[in-house]
């Protein structure tokens, strides 16, 4: 079942990398970061399900680690938007 959940994440990565609103020179960076997030997620879920079922000391740091690549994308996007461009 966890592998079935990776298909929407893979689709999201492909979809966002092909959108014209992605800032210039960020397509490859976003694709790599999204793939890294999917990899971290799949490892966290796969290892956690097998070895650490019900252990919050595994799942809480795993959730934070899974969120870091997507936070990085948001940070890069925020920095790529020029100040005063009207986008908030």
PDB file of N, CA and C in Angstrom:
ATOM      1  N   UNK A   1       0.808  -1.208   0.000  1.00  0.00           N
ATOM      2  CA  UNK A   1       0.000   0.000   0.000  1.00  0.00           C
ATOM      3  C   UNK A   1       0.853   1.276   0.000  1.00  0.00           C
ATOM      4  N   UNK A   2       1.958   1.378   0.756  1.00  0.00           N
ATOM      5  CA  UNK A   2       2.745   2.616   0.702  1.00  0.00           C
ATOM      6  C   UNK A   2       3.284   2.927  -0.695  1.00  0.00           C
ATOM      7  N   UNK A   3       3.606   1.884  -1.475  1.00  0.00           N
ATOM      8  CA  UNK A   3       4.105   2.146  -2.822  1.00  0.00           C
ATOM      9  C   UNK A   3       3.015   2.718  -3.715  1.00  0.00           C
ATOM     10  N   UNK A   4       1.782   2.331  -3.472  1.00  0.00           N
ATOM     11  CA  UNK A   4       0.669   2.885  -4.225  1.00  0.00           C
ATOM     12  C   UNK A   4       0.469   4.367  -3.950  1.00  0.00           C
ATOM     13  N   UNK A   5       0.884   4.805  -2.783  1.00  0.00           N
ATOM     14  CA  UNK A   5       0.767   6.223  -2.437  1.00  0.00           C
ATOM     15  C   UNK A   5       1.856   7.071  -3.078  1.00  0.00           C
ATOM     16  N   UNK A   6       2.886   6.441  -3.621  1.00  0.00           N
ATOM     17  CA  UNK A   6       3.958   7.195  -4.260  1.00  0.00           C
ATOM     18  C   UNK A   6       3.577   7.685  -5.653  1.00  0.00           C
ATOM     19  N   UNK A   7       2.604   7.026  -6.294  1.00  0.00           N
ATOM     20  CA  UNK A   7       2.210   7.449  -7.630  1.00  0.00           C
ATOM     21  C   UNK A   7       1.643   8.872  -7.648  1.00  0.00           C
ATOM     22  N   UNK A   8       0.764   9.256  -6.720  1.00  0.00           N
ATOM     23  CA  UNK A   8       0.329  10.662  -6.725  1.00  0.00           C
ATOM     24  C   UNK A   8       1.485  11.623  -6.459  1.00  0.00           C
ATOM     25  N   UNK A   9       2.434  11.225  -5.630  1.00  0.00           N
ATOM     26  CA  UNK A   9       3.586  12.084  -5.348  1.00  0.00           C
ATOM     27  C   UNK A   9       4.470  12.207  -6.586  1.00  0.00           C
ATOM     28  N   UNK A  10       4.654  11.121  -7.306  1.00  0.00           N
ATOM     29  CA  UNK A  10       5.417  11.153  -8.550  1.00  0.00           C
ATOM     30  C   UNK A  10       4.714  12.035  -9.574  1.00  0.00           C
ATOM     31  N   UNK A  11       3.402  11.884  -9.693  1.00  0.00           N
ATOM     32  CA  UNK A  11       2.634  12.724 -10.606  1.00  0.00           C
ATOM     33  C   UNK A  11       2.765  14.195 -10.222  1.00  0.00           C
ATOM     34  N   UNK A  12       2.718  14.487  -8.938  1.00  0.00           N
ATOM     35  CA  UNK A  12       2.859  15.872  -8.476  1.00  0.00           C
ATOM     36  C   UNK A  12       4.214  16.442  -8.860  1.00  0.00           C
ATOM     37  N   UNK A  13       5.267  15.647  -8.713  1.00  0.00           N
ATOM     38  CA  UNK A  13       6.599  16.110  -9.088  1.00  0.00           C
ATOM     39  C   UNK A  13       6.709  16.409 -10.572  1.00  0.00           C
ATOM     40  N   UNK A  14       6.168  15.528 -11.399  1.00  0.00           N
ATOM     41  CA  UNK A  14       6.198  15.746 -12.854  1.00  0.00           C
ATOM     42  C   UNK A  14       5.343  16.948 -13.226  1.00  0.00           C
ATOM     43  N   UNK A  15       4.173  17.037 -12.625  1.00  0.00           N
ATOM     44  CA  UNK A  15       3.261  18.144 -12.927  1.00  0.00           C
ATOM     45  C   UNK A  15       3.885  19.494 -12.566  1.00  0.00           C
ATOM     46  N   UNK A  16       4.449  19.598 -11.368  1.00  0.00           N
ATOM     47  CA  UNK A  16       5.004  20.889 -10.949  1.00  0.00           C
ATOM     48  C   UNK A  16       6.258  21.251 -11.731  1.00  0.00           C
ATOM     49  N   UNK A  17       7.036  20.259 -12.154  1.00  0.00           N
ATOM     50  CA  UNK A  17       8.249  20.554 -12.917  1.00  0.00           C
ATOM     51  C   UNK A  17       7.945  21.016 -14.329  1.00  0.00           C
ATOM     52  N   UNK A  18       6.768  20.715 -14.831  1.00  0.00           N
ATOM     53  CA  UNK A  18       6.433  21.100 -16.203  1.00  0.00           C
ATOM     54  C   UNK A  18       5.555  22.344 -16.283  1.00  0.00           C
ATOM     55  N   UNK A  19       5.234  22.961 -15.183  1.00  0.00           N
ATOM     56  CA  UNK A  19       4.391  24.157 -15.193  1.00  0.00           C
ATOM     57  C   UNK A  19       5.219  25.370 -15.616  1.00  0.00           C
ATOM     58  N   UNK A  20       4.649  26.259 -16.410  1.00  0.00           N
ATOM     59  CA  UNK A  20       5.389  27.434 -16.849  1.00  0.00           C
ATOM     60  C   UNK A  20       5.606  28.477 -15.744  1.00  0.00           C
ATOM     61  N   UNK A  21       4.948  28.328 -14.618  1.00  0.00           N
ATOM     62  CA  UNK A  21       5.099  29.315 -13.548  1.00  0.00           C
ATOM     63  C   UNK A  21       6.331  29.048 -12.683  1.00  0.00           C
ATOM     64  N   UNK A  22       7.021  27.937 -12.939  1.00  0.00           N
ATOM     65  CA  UNK A  22       8.231  27.631 -12.189  1.00  0.00           C
ATOM     66  C   UNK A  22       9.300  28.630 -12.602  1.00  0.00           C
ATOM     67  N   UNK A  23       9.959  29.283 -11.635  1.00  0.00           N
ATOM     68  CA  UNK A  23      10.989  30.262 -11.996  1.00  0.00           C
ATOM     69  C   UNK A  23      12.088  29.636 -12.855  1.00  0.00           C
ATOM     70  N   UNK A  24      12.694  30.465 -13.653  1.00  0.00           N
ATOM     71  CA  UNK A  24      13.742  30.014 -14.570  1.00  0.00           C
ATOM     72  C   UNK A  24      14.881  29.334 -13.813  1.00  0.00           C
ATOM     73  N   UNK A  25      15.410  28.292 -14.363  1.00  0.00           N
ATOM     74  CA  UNK A  25      16.534  27.517 -13.809  1.00  0.00           C
ATOM     75  C   UNK A  25      16.175  26.766 -12.531  1.00  0.00           C
ATOM     76  N   UNK A  26      14.902  26.653 -12.210  1.00  0.00           N
ATOM     77  CA  UNK A  26      14.507  25.934 -10.995  1.00  0.00           C
ATOM     78  C   UNK A  26      13.835  24.610 -11.305  1.00  0.00           C
ATOM     79  N   UNK A  27      13.578  24.295 -12.568  1.00  0.00           N
ATOM     80  CA  UNK A  27      12.879  23.058 -12.910  1.00  0.00           C
ATOM     81  C   UNK A  27      13.617  21.828 -12.413  1.00  0.00           C
ATOM     82  N   UNK A  28      14.894  21.740 -12.735  1.00  0.00           N
ATOM     83  CA  UNK A  28      15.683  20.567 -12.321  1.00  0.00           C
ATOM     84  C   UNK A  28      15.798  20.521 -10.803  1.00  0.00           C
ATOM     85  N   UNK A  29      15.990  21.660 -10.192  1.00  0.00           N
ATOM     86  CA  UNK A  29      16.113  21.718  -8.736  1.00  0.00           C
ATOM     87  C   UNK A  29      14.827  21.231  -8.072  1.00  0.00           C
ATOM     88  N   UNK A  30      13.678  21.694  -8.562  1.00  0.00           N
ATOM     89  CA  UNK A  30      12.403  21.269  -7.989  1.00  0.00           C
ATOM     90  C   UNK A  30      12.165  19.778  -8.211  1.00  0.00           C
ATOM     91  N   UNK A  31      12.532  19.281  -9.391  1.00  0.00           N
ATOM     92  CA  UNK A  31      12.343  17.860  -9.670  1.00  0.00           C
ATOM     93  C   UNK A  31      13.205  17.006  -8.744  1.00  0.00           C
ATOM     94  N   UNK A  32      14.436  17.421  -8.503  1.00  0.00           N
ATOM     95  CA  UNK A  32      15.335  16.674  -7.610  1.00  0.00           C
ATOM     96  C   UNK A  32      14.829  16.742  -6.170  1.00  0.00           C
ATOM     97  N   UNK A  33      14.389  17.906  -5.733  1.00  0.00           N
ATOM     98  CA  UNK A  33      13.912  18.050  -4.358  1.00  0.00           C
ATOM     99  C   UNK A  33      12.638  17.240  -4.143  1.00  0.00           C
ATOM    100  N   UNK A  34      11.724  17.261  -5.125  1.00  0.00           N
ATOM    101  CA  UNK A  34      10.496  16.492  -4.996  1.00  0.00           C
ATOM    102  C   UNK A  34      10.794  14.997  -4.991  1.00  0.00           C
ATOM    103  N   UNK A  35      11.729  14.563  -5.826  1.00  0.00           N
ATOM    104  CA  UNK A  35      12.125  13.149  -5.825  1.00  0.00           C
ATOM    105  C   UNK A  35      12.776  12.761  -4.504  1.00  0.00           C
ATOM    106  N   UNK A  36      13.586  13.659  -3.952  1.00  0.00           N
ATOM    107  CA  UNK A  36      14.203  13.390  -2.645  1.00  0.00           C
ATOM    108  C   UNK A  36      13.130  13.270  -1.570  1.00  0.00           C
ATOM    109  N   UNK A  37      12.128  14.142  -1.606  1.00  0.00           N
ATOM    110  CA  UNK A  37      11.030  14.056  -0.643  1.00  0.00           C
ATOM    111  C   UNK A  37      10.271  12.749  -0.764  1.00  0.00           C
ATOM    112  N   UNK A  38      10.052  12.301  -1.998  1.00  0.00           N
ATOM    113  CA  UNK A  38       9.361  11.024  -2.209  1.00  0.00           C
ATOM    114  C   UNK A  38      10.210   9.863  -1.713  1.00  0.00           C
ATOM    115  N   UNK A  39      11.519   9.940  -1.922  1.00  0.00           N
ATOM    116  CA  UNK A  39      12.415   8.886  -1.442  1.00  0.00           C
ATOM    117  C   UNK A  39      12.471   8.825   0.073  1.00  0.00           C
ATOM    118  N   UNK A  40      12.570   9.986   0.702  1.00  0.00           N
ATOM    119  CA  UNK A  40      12.592  10.032   2.168  1.00  0.00           C
ATOM    120  C   UNK A  40      11.284   9.505   2.730  1.00  0.00           C
ATOM    121  N   UNK A  41      10.183   9.899   2.102  1.00  0.00           N
ATOM    122  CA  UNK A  41       8.874   9.424   2.544  1.00  0.00           C
ATOM    123  C   UNK A  41       8.774   7.908   2.433  1.00  0.00           C
ATOM    124  N   UNK A  42       9.177   7.370   1.285  1.00  0.00           N
ATOM    125  CA  UNK A  42       9.037   5.922   1.099  1.00  0.00           C
ATOM    126  C   UNK A  42       9.930   5.150   2.056  1.00  0.00           C
ATOM    127  N   UNK A  43      11.153   5.631   2.302  1.00  0.00           N
ATOM    128  CA  UNK A  43      12.020   4.959   3.274  1.00  0.00           C
ATOM    129  C   UNK A  43      11.461   5.051   4.688  1.00  0.00           C
ATOM    130  N   UNK A  44      10.954   6.213   5.041  1.00  0.00           N
ATOM    131  CA  UNK A  44      10.387   6.384   6.380  1.00  0.00           C
ATOM    132  C   UNK A  44       9.208   5.436   6.598  1.00  0.00           C
ATOM    133  N   UNK A  45       8.316   5.373   5.625  1.00  0.00           N
ATOM    134  CA  UNK A  45       7.136   4.523   5.770  1.00  0.00           C
ATOM    135  C   UNK A  45       7.513   3.044   5.718  1.00  0.00           C
ATOM    136  N   UNK A  46       8.388   2.678   4.783  1.00  0.00           N
ATOM    137  CA  UNK A  46       8.760   1.273   4.639  1.00  0.00           C
ATOM    138  C   UNK A  46       9.505   0.757   5.876  1.00  0.00           C
ATOM    139  N   UNK A  47      10.521   1.471   6.301  1.00  0.00           N
ATOM    140  CA  UNK A  47      11.284   1.039   7.479  1.00  0.00           C
ATOM    141  C   UNK A  47      10.436   1.149   8.736  1.00  0.00           C
ATOM    142  N   UNK A  48       9.674   2.224   8.848  1.00  0.00           N
ATOM    143  CA  UNK A  48       8.839   2.419  10.025  1.00  0.00           C
ATOM    144  C   UNK A  48       7.766   1.369  10.183  1.00  0.00           C
ATOM    145  N   UNK A  49       7.161   0.954   9.086  1.00  0.00           N
ATOM    146  CA  UNK A  49       6.128  -0.070   9.146  1.00  0.00           C
ATOM    147  C   UNK A  49       6.705  -1.411   9.580  1.00  0.00           C
ATOM    148  N   UNK A  50       7.895  -1.727   9.101  1.00  0.00           N
ATOM    149  CA  UNK A  50       8.504  -3.020   9.397  1.00  0.00           C
ATOM    150  C   UNK A  50       9.147  -3.048  10.785  1.00  0.00           C
ATOM    151  N   UNK A  51       9.910  -2.017  11.120  1.00  0.00           N
ATOM    152  CA  UNK A  51      10.727  -2.052  12.336  1.00  0.00           C
ATOM    153  C   UNK A  51      10.161  -1.255  13.514  1.00  0.00           C
ATOM    154  N   UNK A  52       9.492  -0.142  13.253  1.00  0.00           N
ATOM    155  CA  UNK A  52       9.120   0.784  14.328  1.00  0.00           C
ATOM    156  C   UNK A  52       7.625   1.077  14.381  1.00  0.00           C
ATOM    157  N   UNK A  53       6.817   0.093  14.181  1.00  0.00           N
ATOM    158  CA  UNK A  53       5.379   0.298  14.202  1.00  0.00           C
ATOM    159  C   UNK A  53       4.938   0.789  15.585  1.00  0.00           C
ATOM    160  N   UNK A  54       4.287   1.934  15.627  1.00  0.00           N
ATOM    161  CA  UNK A  54       3.781   2.482  16.882  1.00  0.00           C
ATOM    162  C   UNK A  54       4.810   3.216  17.715  1.00  0.00           C
ATOM    163  N   UNK A  55       5.988   3.512  17.164  1.00  0.00           N
ATOM    164  CA  UNK A  55       7.031   4.223  17.908  1.00  0.00           C
ATOM    165  C   UNK A  55       7.053   5.700  17.516  1.00  0.00           C
ATOM    166  N   UNK A  56       6.601   6.590  18.383  1.00  0.00           N
ATOM    167  CA  UNK A  56       6.612   8.013  18.040  1.00  0.00           C
ATOM    168  C   UNK A  56       8.024   8.563  17.837  1.00  0.00           C
ATOM    169  N   UNK A  57       9.041   7.943  18.453  1.00  0.00           N
ATOM    170  CA  UNK A  57      10.418   8.420  18.279  1.00  0.00           C
ATOM    171  C   UNK A  57      10.930   8.161  16.860  1.00  0.00           C
ATOM    172  N   UNK A  58      10.252   7.320  16.116  1.00  0.00           N
ATOM    173  CA  UNK A  58      10.580   7.133  14.705  1.00  0.00           C
ATOM    174  C   UNK A  58       9.710   8.017  13.826  1.00  0.00           C
ATOM    175  N   UNK A  59       8.418   8.048  14.101  1.00  0.00           N
ATOM    176  CA  UNK A  59       7.473   8.701  13.202  1.00  0.00           C
ATOM    177  C   UNK A  59       7.524  10.223  13.266  1.00  0.00           C
ATOM    178  N   UNK A  60       7.725  10.806  14.421  1.00  0.00           N
ATOM    179  CA  UNK A  60       7.759  12.271  14.505  1.00  0.00           C
ATOM    180  C   UNK A  60       8.970  12.869  13.795  1.00  0.00           C
ATOM    181  N   UNK A  61      10.198  12.396  14.075  1.00  0.00           N
ATOM    182  CA  UNK A  61      11.326  12.922  13.285  1.00  0.00           C
ATOM    183  C   UNK A  61      11.211  12.557  11.804  1.00  0.00           C
ATOM    184  N   UNK A  62      10.632  11.401  11.501  1.00  0.00           N
ATOM    185  CA  UNK A  62      10.434  11.023  10.111  1.00  0.00           C
ATOM    186  C   UNK A  62       9.502  11.977   9.392  1.00  0.00           C
ATOM    187  N   UNK A  63       8.454  12.415  10.081  1.00  0.00           N
ATOM    188  CA  UNK A  63       7.522  13.375   9.479  1.00  0.00           C
ATOM    189  C   UNK A  63       8.201  14.717   9.225  1.00  0.00           C
ATOM    190  N   UNK A  64       9.014  15.151  10.166  1.00  0.00           N
ATOM    191  CA  UNK A  64       9.743  16.416   9.986  1.00  0.00           C
ATOM    192  C   UNK A  64      10.727  16.287   8.828  1.00  0.00           C
ATOM    193  N   UNK A  65      11.435  15.167   8.766  1.00  0.00           N
ATOM    194  CA  UNK A  65      12.393  14.947   7.687  1.00  0.00           C
ATOM    195  C   UNK A  65      11.699  14.875   6.329  1.00  0.00           C
ATOM    196  N   UNK A  66      10.524  14.287   6.278  1.00  0.00           N
ATOM    197  CA  UNK A  66       9.760  14.230   5.024  1.00  0.00           C
ATOM    198  C   UNK A  66       9.304  15.613   4.573  1.00  0.00           C
ATOM    199  N   UNK A  67       9.065  16.501   5.507  1.00  0.00           N
ATOM    200  CA  UNK A  67       8.583  17.839   5.167  1.00  0.00           C
ATOM    201  C   UNK A  67       9.703  18.786   4.735  1.00  0.00           C
ATOM    202  N   UNK A  68      10.941  18.490   5.103  1.00  0.00           N
ATOM    203  CA  UNK A  68      12.050  19.406   4.813  1.00  0.00           C
ATOM    204  C   UNK A  68      12.251  19.698   3.324  1.00  0.00           C
ATOM    205  N   UNK A  69      12.245  18.707   2.434  1.00  0.00           N
ATOM    206  CA  UNK A  69      12.431  19.058   1.022  1.00  0.00           C
ATOM    207  C   UNK A  69      11.348  19.989   0.481  1.00  0.00           C
ATOM    208  N   UNK A  70      10.116  19.792   0.922  1.00  0.00           N
ATOM    209  CA  UNK A  70       9.027  20.643   0.439  1.00  0.00           C
ATOM    210  C   UNK A  70       9.097  22.043   1.057  1.00  0.00           C
ATOM    211  N   UNK A  71       9.598  22.140   2.275  1.00  0.00           N
ATOM    212  CA  UNK A  71       9.853  23.442   2.878  1.00  0.00           C
ATOM    213  C   UNK A  71      10.949  24.171   2.093  1.00  0.00           C
ATOM    214  N   UNK A  72      11.953  23.418   1.653  1.00  0.00           N
ATOM    215  CA  UNK A  72      13.018  24.004   0.859  1.00  0.00           C
ATOM    216  C   UNK A  72      12.490  24.543  -0.468  1.00  0.00           C
ATOM    217  N   UNK A  73      11.573  23.819  -1.098  1.00  0.00           N
ATOM    218  CA  UNK A  73      10.950  24.308  -2.333  1.00  0.00           C
ATOM    219  C   UNK A  73      10.206  25.611  -2.071  1.00  0.00           C
ATOM    220  N   UNK A  74       9.452  25.663  -0.987  1.00  0.00           N
ATOM    221  CA  UNK A  74       8.715  26.889  -0.655  1.00  0.00           C
ATOM    222  C   UNK A  74       9.677  28.041  -0.390  1.00  0.00           C
ATOM    223  N   UNK A  75      10.776  27.773   0.286  1.00  0.00           N
ATOM    224  CA  UNK A  75      11.765  28.813   0.566  1.00  0.00           C
ATOM    225  C   UNK A  75      12.408  29.312  -0.727  1.00  0.00           C
ATOM    226  N   UNK A  76      12.770  28.408  -1.616  1.00  0.00           N
ATOM    227  CA  UNK A  76      13.351  28.810  -2.898  1.00  0.00           C
ATOM    228  C   UNK A  76      12.363  29.612  -3.729  1.00  0.00           C
ATOM    229  N   UNK A  77      11.105  29.202  -3.707  1.00  0.00           N
ATOM    230  CA  UNK A  77      10.083  29.919  -4.456  1.00  0.00           C
ATOM    231  C   UNK A  77       9.885  31.322  -3.898  1.00  0.00           C
ATOM    232  N   UNK A  78       9.903  31.431  -2.589  1.00  0.00           N
ATOM    233  CA  UNK A  78       9.739  32.744  -1.955  1.00  0.00           C
ATOM    234  C   UNK A  78      10.904  33.668  -2.307  1.00  0.00           C
ATOM    235  N   UNK A  79      12.100  33.119  -2.321  1.00  0.00           N
ATOM    236  CA  UNK A  79      13.271  33.935  -2.659  1.00  0.00           C
ATOM    237  C   UNK A  79      13.323  34.289  -4.145  1.00  0.00           C
ATOM    238  N   UNK A  80      12.724  33.461  -5.001  1.00  0.00           N
ATOM    239  CA  UNK A  80      12.749  33.719  -6.441  1.00  0.00           C
ATOM    240  C   UNK A  80      11.742  34.797  -6.836  1.00  0.00           C
ATOM    241  N   UNK A  81      10.753  35.046  -6.001  1.00  0.00           N
ATOM    242  CA  UNK A  81       9.746  36.067  -6.297  1.00  0.00           C
ATOM    243  C   UNK A  81      10.302  37.424  -5.885  1.00  0.00           C
ATOM    244  N   UNK A  82      10.450  38.357  -6.833  1.00  0.00           N
ATOM    245  CA  UNK A  82      10.982  39.678  -6.484  1.00  0.00           C
ATOM    246  C   UNK A  82      10.069  40.433  -5.546  1.00  0.00           C
ATOM    247  N   UNK A  83      10.659  41.165  -4.646  1.00  0.00           N
ATOM    248  CA  UNK A  83       9.876  41.975  -3.700  1.00  0.00           C
ATOM    249  C   UNK A  83       9.117  43.057  -4.466  1.00  0.00           C
ATOM    250  N   UNK A  84       7.877  43.264  -4.081  1.00  0.00           N
ATOM    251  CA  UNK A  84       7.063  44.290  -4.715  1.00  0.00           C
ATOM    252  C   UNK A  84       6.459  43.873  -6.036  1.00  0.00           C
ATOM    253  N   UNK A  85       6.502  42.569  -6.352  1.00  0.00           N
ATOM    254  CA  UNK A  85       5.946  42.118  -7.630  1.00  0.00           C
ATOM    255  C   UNK A  85       4.437  41.936  -7.569  1.00  0.00           C
ATOM    256  N   UNK A  86       3.872  42.108  -6.386  1.00  0.00           N
ATOM    257  CA  UNK A  86       2.421  41.955  -6.245  1.00  0.00           C
ATOM    258  C   UNK A  86       2.021  40.580  -5.788  1.00  0.00           C
ATOM    259  N   UNK A  87       2.924  39.618  -5.808  1.00  0.00           N
ATOM    260  CA  UNK A  87       2.617  38.268  -5.339  1.00  0.00           C
ATOM    261  C   UNK A  87       2.931  38.172  -3.863  1.00  0.00           C
ATOM    262  N   UNK A  88       1.979  37.677  -3.108  1.00  0.00           N
ATOM    263  CA  UNK A  88       2.229  37.523  -1.665  1.00  0.00           C
ATOM    264  C   UNK A  88       2.215  36.083  -1.285  1.00  0.00           C
TER     265      UNK A  88
END
